[in-house]
């Protein structure tokens, strides 16, 4: 096993859920950070994401995205971030949020 591989038991610890982006605003004093309010079904959470260079806040509203929900919270520039949005990065300046392709309820488990 290479150092980048994980076993099934480690993978099963990861909790991914569908979240619907309800609110987005730029984090004052930063160029890259956005503060998002995400509906995860039975709860809403605040997430901080470095997506401002790639997305305008208004184009993110209503998107259903994949959220890592059992990540330890972190305080980023004074804002508590309670998870992480998943996005793809091609390494050449193109970034794309991972979204779902059908209407599915916020909070749905990603398997």
PDB file of N, CA and C in Angstrom:
ATOM      1  N   UNK A   1       0.853  -1.179   0.000  1.00  0.00           N
ATOM      2  CA  UNK A   1       0.000   0.000   0.000  1.00  0.00           C
ATOM      3  C   UNK A   1       0.897   1.240   0.000  1.00  0.00           C
ATOM      4  N   UNK A   2       0.611   2.177  -0.898  1.00  0.00           N
ATOM      5  CA  UNK A   2       1.386   3.415  -0.916  1.00  0.00           C
ATOM      6  C   UNK A   2       0.921   4.333   0.205  1.00  0.00           C
ATOM      7  N   UNK A   3       1.708   5.334   0.520  1.00  0.00           N
ATOM      8  CA  UNK A   3       1.353   6.236   1.624  1.00  0.00           C
ATOM      9  C   UNK A   3       0.107   7.058   1.323  1.00  0.00           C
ATOM     10  N   UNK A   4      -0.313   7.160   0.056  1.00  0.00           N
ATOM     11  CA  UNK A   4      -1.502   7.943  -0.266  1.00  0.00           C
ATOM     12  C   UNK A   4      -2.776   7.094  -0.256  1.00  0.00           C
ATOM     13  N   UNK A   5      -2.650   5.775  -0.146  1.00  0.00           N
ATOM     14  CA  UNK A   5      -3.820   4.920  -0.121  1.00  0.00           C
ATOM     15  C   UNK A   5      -4.366   4.806   1.298  1.00  0.00           C
ATOM     16  N   UNK A   6      -5.685   4.662   1.378  1.00  0.00           N
ATOM     17  CA  UNK A   6      -6.319   4.397   2.665  1.00  0.00           C
ATOM     18  C   UNK A   6      -7.079   3.090   2.545  1.00  0.00           C
ATOM     19  N   UNK A   7      -7.326   2.457   3.669  1.00  0.00           N
ATOM     20  CA  UNK A   7      -8.087   1.211   3.611  1.00  0.00           C
ATOM     21  C   UNK A   7      -9.581   1.514   3.747  1.00  0.00           C
ATOM     22  N   UNK A   8     -10.392   0.491   3.563  1.00  0.00           N
ATOM     23  CA  UNK A   8     -11.843   0.660   3.586  1.00  0.00           C
ATOM     24  C   UNK A   8     -12.329   1.207   4.924  1.00  0.00           C
ATOM     25  N   UNK A   9     -11.756   0.737   6.021  1.00  0.00           N
ATOM     26  CA  UNK A   9     -12.174   1.211   7.345  1.00  0.00           C
ATOM     27  C   UNK A   9     -11.922   2.711   7.490  1.00  0.00           C
ATOM     28  N   UNK A  10     -10.807   3.190   6.975  1.00  0.00           N
ATOM     29  CA  UNK A  10     -10.508   4.626   7.036  1.00  0.00           C
ATOM     30  C   UNK A  10     -11.484   5.407   6.162  1.00  0.00           C
ATOM     31  N   UNK A  11     -11.773   4.901   4.970  1.00  0.00           N
ATOM     32  CA  UNK A  11     -12.715   5.566   4.069  1.00  0.00           C
ATOM     33  C   UNK A  11     -14.104   5.654   4.686  1.00  0.00           C
ATOM     34  N   UNK A  12     -14.515   4.616   5.397  1.00  0.00           N
ATOM     35  CA  UNK A  12     -15.849   4.595   5.979  1.00  0.00           C
ATOM     36  C   UNK A  12     -16.023   5.632   7.085  1.00  0.00           C
ATOM     37  N   UNK A  13     -14.943   6.201   7.568  1.00  0.00           N
ATOM     38  CA  UNK A  13     -15.021   7.272   8.569  1.00  0.00           C
ATOM     39  C   UNK A  13     -15.435   8.602   7.943  1.00  0.00           C
ATOM     40  N   UNK A  14     -15.274   8.735   6.640  1.00  0.00           N
ATOM     41  CA  UNK A  14     -15.580   9.988   5.944  1.00  0.00           C
ATOM     42  C   UNK A  14     -17.092  10.106   5.776  1.00  0.00           C
ATOM     43  N   UNK A  15     -17.639  11.239   6.202  1.00  0.00           N
ATOM     44  CA  UNK A  15     -19.071  11.477   6.051  1.00  0.00           C
ATOM     45  C   UNK A  15     -19.287  12.581   5.024  1.00  0.00           C
ATOM     46  N   UNK A  16     -19.869  12.199   3.896  1.00  0.00           N
ATOM     47  CA  UNK A  16     -20.193  13.145   2.822  1.00  0.00           C
ATOM     48  C   UNK A  16     -21.705  13.248   2.723  1.00  0.00           C
ATOM     49  N   UNK A  17     -22.193  14.476   2.629  1.00  0.00           N
ATOM     50  CA  UNK A  17     -23.641  14.700   2.511  1.00  0.00           C
ATOM     51  C   UNK A  17     -23.914  15.767   1.449  1.00  0.00           C
ATOM     52  N   UNK A  18     -25.119  15.725   0.930  1.00  0.00           N
ATOM     53  CA  UNK A  18     -25.566  16.757  -0.005  1.00  0.00           C
ATOM     54  C   UNK A  18     -25.984  17.970   0.804  1.00  0.00           C
ATOM     55  N   UNK A  19     -25.485  19.132   0.408  1.00  0.00           N
ATOM     56  CA  UNK A  19     -25.866  20.383   1.049  1.00  0.00           C
ATOM     57  C   UNK A  19     -26.370  21.365   0.019  1.00  0.00           C
ATOM     58  N   UNK A  20     -27.348  22.157   0.391  1.00  0.00           N
ATOM     59  CA  UNK A  20     -27.861  23.206  -0.503  1.00  0.00           C
ATOM     60  C   UNK A  20     -27.362  24.555  -0.008  1.00  0.00           C
ATOM     61  N   UNK A  21     -26.706  25.293  -0.889  1.00  0.00           N
ATOM     62  CA  UNK A  21     -26.144  26.589  -0.522  1.00  0.00           C
ATOM     63  C   UNK A  21     -27.276  27.612  -0.418  1.00  0.00           C
ATOM     64  N   UNK A  22     -27.456  28.156   0.781  1.00  0.00           N
ATOM     65  CA  UNK A  22     -28.560  29.080   1.063  1.00  0.00           C
ATOM     66  C   UNK A  22     -28.130  30.545   1.056  1.00  0.00           C
ATOM     67  N   UNK A  23     -26.884  30.797   1.430  1.00  0.00           N
ATOM     68  CA  UNK A  23     -26.390  32.170   1.550  1.00  0.00           C
ATOM     69  C   UNK A  23     -24.889  32.169   1.274  1.00  0.00           C
ATOM     70  N   UNK A  24     -24.417  33.195   0.578  1.00  0.00           N
ATOM     71  CA  UNK A  24     -22.989  33.330   0.283  1.00  0.00           C
ATOM     72  C   UNK A  24     -22.614  34.798   0.352  1.00  0.00           C
ATOM     73  N   UNK A  25     -21.496  35.069   1.024  1.00  0.00           N
ATOM     74  CA  UNK A  25     -20.963  36.431   1.020  1.00  0.00           C
ATOM     75  C   UNK A  25     -19.441  36.375   1.090  1.00  0.00           C
ATOM     76  N   UNK A  26     -18.820  37.397   0.571  1.00  0.00           N
ATOM     77  CA  UNK A  26     -17.366  37.480   0.636  1.00  0.00           C
ATOM     78  C   UNK A  26     -16.939  37.740   2.069  1.00  0.00           C
ATOM     79  N   UNK A  27     -15.820  37.149   2.467  1.00  0.00           N
ATOM     80  CA  UNK A  27     -15.269  37.408   3.786  1.00  0.00           C
ATOM     81  C   UNK A  27     -14.477  38.700   3.696  1.00  0.00           C
ATOM     82  N   UNK A  28     -14.927  39.696   4.411  1.00  0.00           N
ATOM     83  CA  UNK A  28     -14.325  41.026   4.370  1.00  0.00           C
ATOM     84  C   UNK A  28     -12.828  40.960   4.670  1.00  0.00           C
ATOM     85  N   UNK A  29     -12.053  41.692   3.861  1.00  0.00           N
ATOM     86  CA  UNK A  29     -10.614  41.758   4.060  1.00  0.00           C
ATOM     87  C   UNK A  29      -9.839  40.638   3.390  1.00  0.00           C
ATOM     88  N   UNK A  30     -10.539  39.786   2.619  1.00  0.00           N
ATOM     89  CA  UNK A  30      -9.851  38.711   1.897  1.00  0.00           C
ATOM     90  C   UNK A  30     -10.221  38.770   0.416  1.00  0.00           C
ATOM     91  N   UNK A  31      -9.361  38.214  -0.415  1.00  0.00           N
ATOM     92  CA  UNK A  31      -9.637  38.163  -1.856  1.00  0.00           C
ATOM     93  C   UNK A  31     -10.253  36.839  -2.277  1.00  0.00           C
ATOM     94  N   UNK A  32      -9.949  35.774  -1.549  1.00  0.00           N
ATOM     95  CA  UNK A  32     -10.336  34.443  -2.014  1.00  0.00           C
ATOM     96  C   UNK A  32     -11.460  33.796  -1.218  1.00  0.00           C
ATOM     97  N   UNK A  33     -11.745  34.275  -0.012  1.00  0.00           N
ATOM     98  CA  UNK A  33     -12.640  33.532   0.871  1.00  0.00           C
ATOM     99  C   UNK A  33     -14.098  33.967   0.783  1.00  0.00           C
ATOM    100  N   UNK A  34     -14.953  32.952   0.792  1.00  0.00           N
ATOM    101  CA  UNK A  34     -16.395  33.145   0.855  1.00  0.00           C
ATOM    102  C   UNK A  34     -16.916  32.469   2.118  1.00  0.00           C
ATOM    103  N   UNK A  35     -17.943  33.057   2.711  1.00  0.00           N
ATOM    104  CA  UNK A  35     -18.635  32.452   3.847  1.00  0.00           C
ATOM    105  C   UNK A  35     -19.988  31.983   3.324  1.00  0.00           C
ATOM    106  N   UNK A  36     -20.252  30.696   3.496  1.00  0.00           N
ATOM    107  CA  UNK A  36     -21.474  30.104   2.977  1.00  0.00           C
ATOM    108  C   UNK A  36     -22.313  29.554   4.117  1.00  0.00           C
ATOM    109  N   UNK A  37     -23.619  29.648   3.966  1.00  0.00           N
ATOM    110  CA  UNK A  37     -24.557  28.992   4.880  1.00  0.00           C
ATOM    111  C   UNK A  37     -25.166  27.857   4.070  1.00  0.00           C
ATOM    112  N   UNK A  38     -25.019  26.618   4.577  1.00  0.00           N
ATOM    113  CA  UNK A  38     -25.415  25.437   3.818  1.00  0.00           C
ATOM    114  C   UNK A  38     -26.460  24.639   4.599  1.00  0.00           C
ATOM    115  N   UNK A  39     -27.554  24.301   3.925  1.00  0.00           N
ATOM    116  CA  UNK A  39     -28.614  23.474   4.493  1.00  0.00           C
ATOM    117  C   UNK A  39     -28.220  22.011   4.315  1.00  0.00           C
ATOM    118  N   UNK A  40     -28.102  21.297   5.430  1.00  0.00           N
ATOM    119  CA  UNK A  40     -27.763  19.875   5.399  1.00  0.00           C
ATOM    120  C   UNK A  40     -28.938  19.011   5.861  1.00  0.00           C
ATOM    121  N   UNK A  41     -30.137  19.484   5.615  1.00  0.00           N
ATOM    122  CA  UNK A  41     -31.334  18.725   5.990  1.00  0.00           C
ATOM    123  C   UNK A  41     -31.809  19.094   7.374  1.00  0.00           C
ATOM    124  N   UNK A  42     -31.316  18.409   8.390  1.00  0.00           N
ATOM    125  CA  UNK A  42     -31.756  18.657   9.754  1.00  0.00           C
ATOM    126  C   UNK A  42     -30.975  19.777  10.436  1.00  0.00           C
ATOM    127  N   UNK A  43     -29.979  20.333   9.751  1.00  0.00           N
ATOM    128  CA  UNK A  43     -29.204  21.434  10.337  1.00  0.00           C
ATOM    129  C   UNK A  43     -28.630  22.305   9.222  1.00  0.00           C
ATOM    130  N   UNK A  44     -28.252  23.516   9.606  1.00  0.00           N
ATOM    131  CA  UNK A  44     -27.515  24.405   8.710  1.00  0.00           C
ATOM    132  C   UNK A  44     -26.140  24.621   9.309  1.00  0.00           C
ATOM    133  N   UNK A  45     -25.149  24.768   8.432  1.00  0.00           N
ATOM    134  CA  UNK A  45     -23.783  25.015   8.881  1.00  0.00           C
ATOM    135  C   UNK A  45     -23.165  26.153   8.096  1.00  0.00           C
ATOM    136  N   UNK A  46     -22.161  26.758   8.737  1.00  0.00           N
ATOM    137  CA  UNK A  46     -21.360  27.786   8.091  1.00  0.00           C
ATOM    138  C   UNK A  46     -20.071  27.142   7.599  1.00  0.00           C
ATOM    139  N   UNK A  47     -19.716  27.427   6.346  1.00  0.00           N
ATOM    140  CA  UNK A  47     -18.474  26.935   5.763  1.00  0.00           C
ATOM    141  C   UNK A  47     -17.699  28.122   5.200  1.00  0.00           C
ATOM    142  N   UNK A  48     -16.393  28.061   5.305  1.00  0.00           N
ATOM    143  CA  UNK A  48     -15.526  29.064   4.679  1.00  0.00           C
ATOM    144  C   UNK A  48     -14.794  28.348   3.553  1.00  0.00           C
ATOM    145  N   UNK A  49     -14.844  28.927   2.361  1.00  0.00           N
ATOM    146  CA  UNK A  49     -14.235  28.284   1.195  1.00  0.00           C
ATOM    147  C   UNK A  49     -13.465  29.305   0.366  1.00  0.00           C
ATOM    148  N   UNK A  50     -12.339  28.896  -0.157  1.00  0.00           N
ATOM    149  CA  UNK A  50     -11.493  29.763  -0.981  1.00  0.00           C
ATOM    150  C   UNK A  50     -11.907  29.754  -2.436  1.00  0.00           C
ATOM    151  N   UNK A  51     -13.161  30.055  -2.690  1.00  0.00           N
ATOM    152  CA  UNK A  51     -13.713  29.959  -4.050  1.00  0.00           C
ATOM    153  C   UNK A  51     -14.019  31.295  -4.712  1.00  0.00           C
ATOM    154  N   UNK A  52     -13.745  32.404  -4.044  1.00  0.00           N
ATOM    155  CA  UNK A  52     -14.069  33.717  -4.621  1.00  0.00           C
ATOM    156  C   UNK A  52     -13.395  33.975  -5.972  1.00  0.00           C
ATOM    157  N   UNK A  53     -12.176  33.475  -6.220  1.00  0.00           N
ATOM    158  CA  UNK A  53     -11.587  33.696  -7.545  1.00  0.00           C
ATOM    159  C   UNK A  53     -12.311  32.939  -8.668  1.00  0.00           C
ATOM    160  N   UNK A  54     -13.149  31.970  -8.316  1.00  0.00           N
ATOM    161  CA  UNK A  54     -13.762  31.105  -9.316  1.00  0.00           C
ATOM    162  C   UNK A  54     -15.273  31.241  -9.438  1.00  0.00           C
ATOM    163  N   UNK A  55     -15.917  31.737  -8.376  1.00  0.00           N
ATOM    164  CA  UNK A  55     -17.375  31.847  -8.359  1.00  0.00           C
ATOM    165  C   UNK A  55     -17.809  33.177  -7.765  1.00  0.00           C
ATOM    166  N   UNK A  56     -18.828  33.779  -8.369  1.00  0.00           N
ATOM    167  CA  UNK A  56     -19.492  34.931  -7.773  1.00  0.00           C
ATOM    168  C   UNK A  56     -20.514  34.389  -6.783  1.00  0.00           C
ATOM    169  N   UNK A  57     -20.696  35.049  -5.659  1.00  0.00           N
ATOM    170  CA  UNK A  57     -21.647  34.530  -4.655  1.00  0.00           C
ATOM    171  C   UNK A  57     -23.025  34.193  -5.227  1.00  0.00           C
ATOM    172  N   UNK A  58     -23.559  35.047  -6.074  1.00  0.00           N
ATOM    173  CA  UNK A  58     -24.915  34.825  -6.590  1.00  0.00           C
ATOM    174  C   UNK A  58     -25.021  33.579  -7.470  1.00  0.00           C
ATOM    175  N   UNK A  59     -23.944  33.153  -8.119  1.00  0.00           N
ATOM    176  CA  UNK A  59     -24.041  31.961  -8.966  1.00  0.00           C
ATOM    177  C   UNK A  59     -23.963  30.665  -8.155  1.00  0.00           C
ATOM    178  N   UNK A  60     -23.635  30.764  -6.879  1.00  0.00           N
ATOM    179  CA  UNK A  60     -23.555  29.582  -6.027  1.00  0.00           C
ATOM    180  C   UNK A  60     -24.869  29.304  -5.300  1.00  0.00           C
ATOM    181  N   UNK A  61     -25.696  30.323  -5.152  1.00  0.00           N
ATOM    182  CA  UNK A  61     -26.959  30.177  -4.425  1.00  0.00           C
ATOM    183  C   UNK A  61     -27.829  29.070  -5.017  1.00  0.00           C
ATOM    184  N   UNK A  62     -28.354  28.214  -4.158  1.00  0.00           N
ATOM    185  CA  UNK A  62     -29.249  27.160  -4.581  1.00  0.00           C
ATOM    186  C   UNK A  62     -28.572  25.910  -5.101  1.00  0.00           C
ATOM    187  N   UNK A  63     -27.269  25.944  -5.303  1.00  0.00           N
ATOM    188  CA  UNK A  63     -26.567  24.753  -5.788  1.00  0.00           C
ATOM    189  C   UNK A  63     -26.569  23.676  -4.717  1.00  0.00           C
ATOM    190  N   UNK A  64     -26.734  22.449  -5.172  1.00  0.00           N
ATOM    191  CA  UNK A  64     -26.616  21.300  -4.278  1.00  0.00           C
ATOM    192  C   UNK A  64     -25.225  20.722  -4.486  1.00  0.00           C
ATOM    193  N   UNK A  65     -24.463  20.729  -3.397  1.00  0.00           N
ATOM    194  CA  UNK A  65     -23.051  20.392  -3.445  1.00  0.00           C
ATOM    195  C   UNK A  65     -22.738  19.240  -2.499  1.00  0.00           C
ATOM    196  N   UNK A  66     -21.525  18.705  -2.619  1.00  0.00           N
ATOM    197  CA  UNK A  66     -21.068  17.641  -1.737  1.00  0.00           C
ATOM    198  C   UNK A  66     -20.239  18.275  -0.621  1.00  0.00           C
ATOM    199  N   UNK A  67     -20.593  17.937   0.626  1.00  0.00           N
ATOM    200  CA  UNK A  67     -19.950  18.532   1.800  1.00  0.00           C
ATOM    201  C   UNK A  67     -19.358  17.429   2.678  1.00  0.00           C
ATOM    202  N   UNK A  68     -18.107  17.614   3.062  1.00  0.00           N
ATOM    203  CA  UNK A  68     -17.480  16.751   4.065  1.00  0.00           C
ATOM    204  C   UNK A  68     -17.956  17.286   5.411  1.00  0.00           C
ATOM    205  N   UNK A  69     -18.783  16.493   6.111  1.00  0.00           N
ATOM    206  CA  UNK A  69     -19.445  17.012   7.311  1.00  0.00           C
ATOM    207  C   UNK A  69     -18.778  16.628   8.620  1.00  0.00           C
ATOM    208  N   UNK A  70     -17.892  15.642   8.606  1.00  0.00           N
ATOM    209  CA  UNK A  70     -17.271  15.254   9.876  1.00  0.00           C
ATOM    210  C   UNK A  70     -15.817  15.714   9.972  1.00  0.00           C
ATOM    211  N   UNK A  71     -15.501  16.794   9.294  1.00  0.00           N
ATOM    212  CA  UNK A  71     -14.197  17.433   9.420  1.00  0.00           C
ATOM    213  C   UNK A  71     -14.189  18.269  10.696  1.00  0.00           C
ATOM    214  N   UNK A  72     -13.108  18.212  11.424  1.00  0.00           N
ATOM    215  CA  UNK A  72     -12.983  19.012  12.640  1.00  0.00           C
ATOM    216  C   UNK A  72     -13.171  20.492  12.303  1.00  0.00           C
ATOM    217  N   UNK A  73     -14.038  21.219  13.035  1.00  0.00           N
ATOM    218  CA  UNK A  73     -14.229  22.643  12.758  1.00  0.00           C
ATOM    219  C   UNK A  73     -12.918  23.425  12.879  1.00  0.00           C
ATOM    220  N   UNK A  74     -12.828  24.494  12.097  1.00  0.00           N
ATOM    221  CA  UNK A  74     -11.643  25.356  12.130  1.00  0.00           C
ATOM    222  C   UNK A  74     -12.101  26.807  12.108  1.00  0.00           C
ATOM    223  N   UNK A  75     -11.374  27.660  12.785  1.00  0.00           N
ATOM    224  CA  UNK A  75     -11.668  29.093  12.739  1.00  0.00           C
ATOM    225  C   UNK A  75     -10.749  29.705  11.684  1.00  0.00           C
ATOM    226  N   UNK A  76     -11.372  30.281  10.655  1.00  0.00           N
ATOM    227  CA  UNK A  76     -10.640  30.872   9.542  1.00  0.00           C
ATOM    228  C   UNK A  76     -10.970  32.355   9.492  1.00  0.00           C
ATOM    229  N   UNK A  77      -9.954  33.180   9.729  1.00  0.00           N
ATOM    230  CA  UNK A  77     -10.129  34.641   9.758  1.00  0.00           C
ATOM    231  C   UNK A  77     -11.293  35.053  10.648  1.00  0.00           C
ATOM    232  N   UNK A  78     -11.411  34.386  11.785  1.00  0.00           N
ATOM    233  CA  UNK A  78     -12.427  34.737  12.768  1.00  0.00           C
ATOM    234  C   UNK A  78     -13.780  34.095  12.561  1.00  0.00           C
ATOM    235  N   UNK A  79     -13.940  33.271  11.522  1.00  0.00           N
ATOM    236  CA  UNK A  79     -15.218  32.623  11.234  1.00  0.00           C
ATOM    237  C   UNK A  79     -15.052  31.116  11.429  1.00  0.00           C
ATOM    238  N   UNK A  80     -15.958  30.520  12.205  1.00  0.00           N
ATOM    239  CA  UNK A  80     -15.911  29.076  12.429  1.00  0.00           C
ATOM    240  C   UNK A  80     -16.460  28.351  11.199  1.00  0.00           C
ATOM    241  N   UNK A  81     -15.623  27.515  10.586  1.00  0.00           N
ATOM    242  CA  UNK A  81     -16.002  26.717   9.420  1.00  0.00           C
ATOM    243  C   UNK A  81     -16.291  25.300   9.900  1.00  0.00           C
ATOM    244  N   UNK A  82     -17.495  24.797   9.572  1.00  0.00           N
ATOM    245  CA  UNK A  82     -17.978  23.524  10.108  1.00  0.00           C
ATOM    246  C   UNK A  82     -18.096  22.439   9.040  1.00  0.00           C
ATOM    247  N   UNK A  83     -17.118  22.357   8.161  1.00  0.00           N
ATOM    248  CA  UNK A  83     -17.119  21.346   7.103  1.00  0.00           C
ATOM    249  C   UNK A  83     -16.341  21.854   5.912  1.00  0.00           C
ATOM    250  N   UNK A  84     -16.410  21.118   4.815  1.00  0.00           N
ATOM    251  CA  UNK A  84     -15.681  21.506   3.618  1.00  0.00           C
ATOM    252  C   UNK A  84     -16.477  21.129   2.369  1.00  0.00           C
ATOM    253  N   UNK A  85     -16.598  22.089   1.456  1.00  0.00           N
ATOM    254  CA  UNK A  85     -17.178  21.793   0.150  1.00  0.00           C
ATOM    255  C   UNK A  85     -16.156  21.025  -0.663  1.00  0.00           C
ATOM    256  N   UNK A  86     -16.613  20.104  -1.496  1.00  0.00           N
ATOM    257  CA  UNK A  86     -15.690  19.403  -2.382  1.00  0.00           C
ATOM    258  C   UNK A  86     -15.715  20.075  -3.752  1.00  0.00           C
ATOM    259  N   UNK A  87     -14.526  20.240  -4.318  1.00  0.00           N
ATOM    260  CA  UNK A  87     -14.370  20.851  -5.639  1.00  0.00           C
ATOM    261  C   UNK A  87     -13.223  20.175  -6.357  1.00  0.00           C
ATOM    262  N   UNK A  88     -13.272  20.209  -7.672  1.00  0.00           N
ATOM    263  CA  UNK A  88     -12.187  19.676  -8.498  1.00  0.00           C
ATOM    264  C   UNK A  88     -11.336  20.845  -8.979  1.00  0.00           C
ATOM    265  N   UNK A  89     -10.030  20.609  -9.061  1.00  0.00           N
ATOM    266  CA  UNK A  89      -9.066  21.619  -9.492  1.00  0.00           C
ATOM    267  C   UNK A  89      -8.164  20.971 -10.532  1.00  0.00           C
ATOM    268  N   UNK A  90      -8.156  21.515 -11.751  1.00  0.00           N
ATOM    269  CA  UNK A  90      -7.360  20.896 -12.814  1.00  0.00           C
ATOM    270  C   UNK A  90      -5.881  21.280 -12.761  1.00  0.00           C
ATOM    271  N   UNK A  91      -5.497  22.103 -11.778  1.00  0.00           N
ATOM    272  CA  UNK A  91      -4.105  22.505 -11.646  1.00  0.00           C
ATOM    273  C   UNK A  91      -3.683  23.595 -12.616  1.00  0.00           C
ATOM    274  N   UNK A  92      -4.625  24.053 -13.440  1.00  0.00           N
ATOM    275  CA  UNK A  92      -4.326  25.083 -14.427  1.00  0.00           C
ATOM    276  C   UNK A  92      -5.283  26.266 -14.304  1.00  0.00           C
ATOM    277  N   UNK A  93      -5.835  26.433 -13.111  1.00  0.00           N
ATOM    278  CA  UNK A  93      -6.691  27.585 -12.869  1.00  0.00           C
ATOM    279  C   UNK A  93      -8.176  27.358 -13.033  1.00  0.00           C
ATOM    280  N   UNK A  94      -8.590  26.160 -13.359  1.00  0.00           N
ATOM    281  CA  UNK A  94     -10.019  25.866 -13.495  1.00  0.00           C
ATOM    282  C   UNK A  94     -10.462  25.064 -12.279  1.00  0.00           C
ATOM    283  N   UNK A  95     -11.502  25.554 -11.596  1.00  0.00           N
ATOM    284  CA  UNK A  95     -12.043  24.904 -10.407  1.00  0.00           C
ATOM    285  C   UNK A  95     -13.541  24.711 -10.617  1.00  0.00           C
ATOM    286  N   UNK A  96     -14.050  23.554 -10.202  1.00  0.00           N
ATOM    287  CA  UNK A  96     -15.460  23.251 -10.361  1.00  0.00           C
ATOM    288  C   UNK A  96     -15.988  22.583  -9.095  1.00  0.00           C
ATOM    289  N   UNK A  97     -17.087  23.126  -8.558  1.00  0.00           N
ATOM    290  CA  UNK A  97     -17.751  22.512  -7.404  1.00  0.00           C
ATOM    291  C   UNK A  97     -18.293  21.147  -7.793  1.00  0.00           C
ATOM    292  N   UNK A  98     -18.235  20.200  -6.864  1.00  0.00           N
ATOM    293  CA  UNK A  98     -18.888  18.914  -7.084  1.00  0.00           C
ATOM    294  C   UNK A  98     -20.357  19.092  -6.723  1.00  0.00           C
ATOM    295  N   UNK A  99     -21.218  18.921  -7.707  1.00  0.00           N
ATOM    296  CA  UNK A  99     -22.653  19.086  -7.516  1.00  0.00           C
ATOM    297  C   UNK A  99     -23.355  17.778  -7.843  1.00  0.00           C
ATOM    298  N   UNK A 100     -24.616  17.688  -7.455  1.00  0.00           N
ATOM    299  CA  UNK A 100     -25.404  16.503  -7.777  1.00  0.00           C
ATOM    300  C   UNK A 100     -26.194  16.763  -9.052  1.00  0.00           C
ATOM    301  N   UNK A 101     -26.459  15.705  -9.817  1.00  0.00           N
ATOM    302  CA  UNK A 101     -27.089  15.890 -11.123  1.00  0.00           C
ATOM    303  C   UNK A 101     -28.602  15.697 -11.121  1.00  0.00           C
ATOM    304  N   UNK A 102     -29.172  15.361  -9.938  1.00  0.00           N
ATOM    305  CA  UNK A 102     -30.625  15.220  -9.814  1.00  0.00           C
ATOM    306  C   UNK A 102     -31.074  15.922  -8.550  1.00  0.00           C
ATOM    307  N   UNK A 103     -32.366  16.233  -8.498  1.00  0.00           N
ATOM    308  CA  UNK A 103     -32.899  16.876  -7.304  1.00  0.00           C
ATOM    309  C   UNK A 103     -32.969  15.850  -6.187  1.00  0.00           C
ATOM    310  N   UNK A 104     -32.194  16.073  -5.150  1.00  0.00           N
ATOM    311  CA  UNK A 104     -32.145  15.163  -4.010  1.00  0.00           C
ATOM    312  C   UNK A 104     -32.142  16.016  -2.746  1.00  0.00           C
ATOM    313  N   UNK A 105     -32.701  15.507  -1.683  1.00  0.00           N
ATOM    314  CA  UNK A 105     -32.885  16.279  -0.465  1.00  0.00           C
ATOM    315  C   UNK A 105     -31.551  16.634   0.193  1.00  0.00           C
ATOM    316  N   UNK A 106     -31.429  17.878   0.693  1.00  0.00           N
ATOM    317  CA  UNK A 106     -30.260  18.224   1.484  1.00  0.00           C
ATOM    318  C   UNK A 106     -30.137  17.264   2.659  1.00  0.00           C
ATOM    319  N   UNK A 107     -28.905  16.888   2.980  1.00  0.00           N
ATOM    320  CA  UNK A 107     -28.647  15.946   4.058  1.00  0.00           C
ATOM    321  C   UNK A 107     -28.500  14.520   3.572  1.00  0.00           C
ATOM    322  N   UNK A 108     -28.857  14.261   2.304  1.00  0.00           N
ATOM    323  CA  UNK A 108     -28.710  12.900   1.775  1.00  0.00           C
ATOM    324  C   UNK A 108     -27.258  12.471   1.842  1.00  0.00           C
ATOM    325  N   UNK A 109     -27.044  11.201   2.224  1.00  0.00           N
ATOM    326  CA  UNK A 109     -25.696  10.651   2.322  1.00  0.00           C
ATOM    327  C   UNK A 109     -25.115  10.397   0.945  1.00  0.00           C
ATOM    328  N   UNK A 110     -23.842  10.699   0.775  1.00  0.00           N
ATOM    329  CA  UNK A 110     -23.121  10.368  -0.450  1.00  0.00           C
ATOM    330  C   UNK A 110     -22.398   9.063  -0.175  1.00  0.00           C
ATOM    331  N   UNK A 111     -22.581   8.097  -1.054  1.00  0.00           N
ATOM    332  CA  UNK A 111     -21.956   6.777  -0.859  1.00  0.00           C
ATOM    333  C   UNK A 111     -21.001   6.476  -1.985  1.00  0.00           C
TER     334      UNK A 111
END
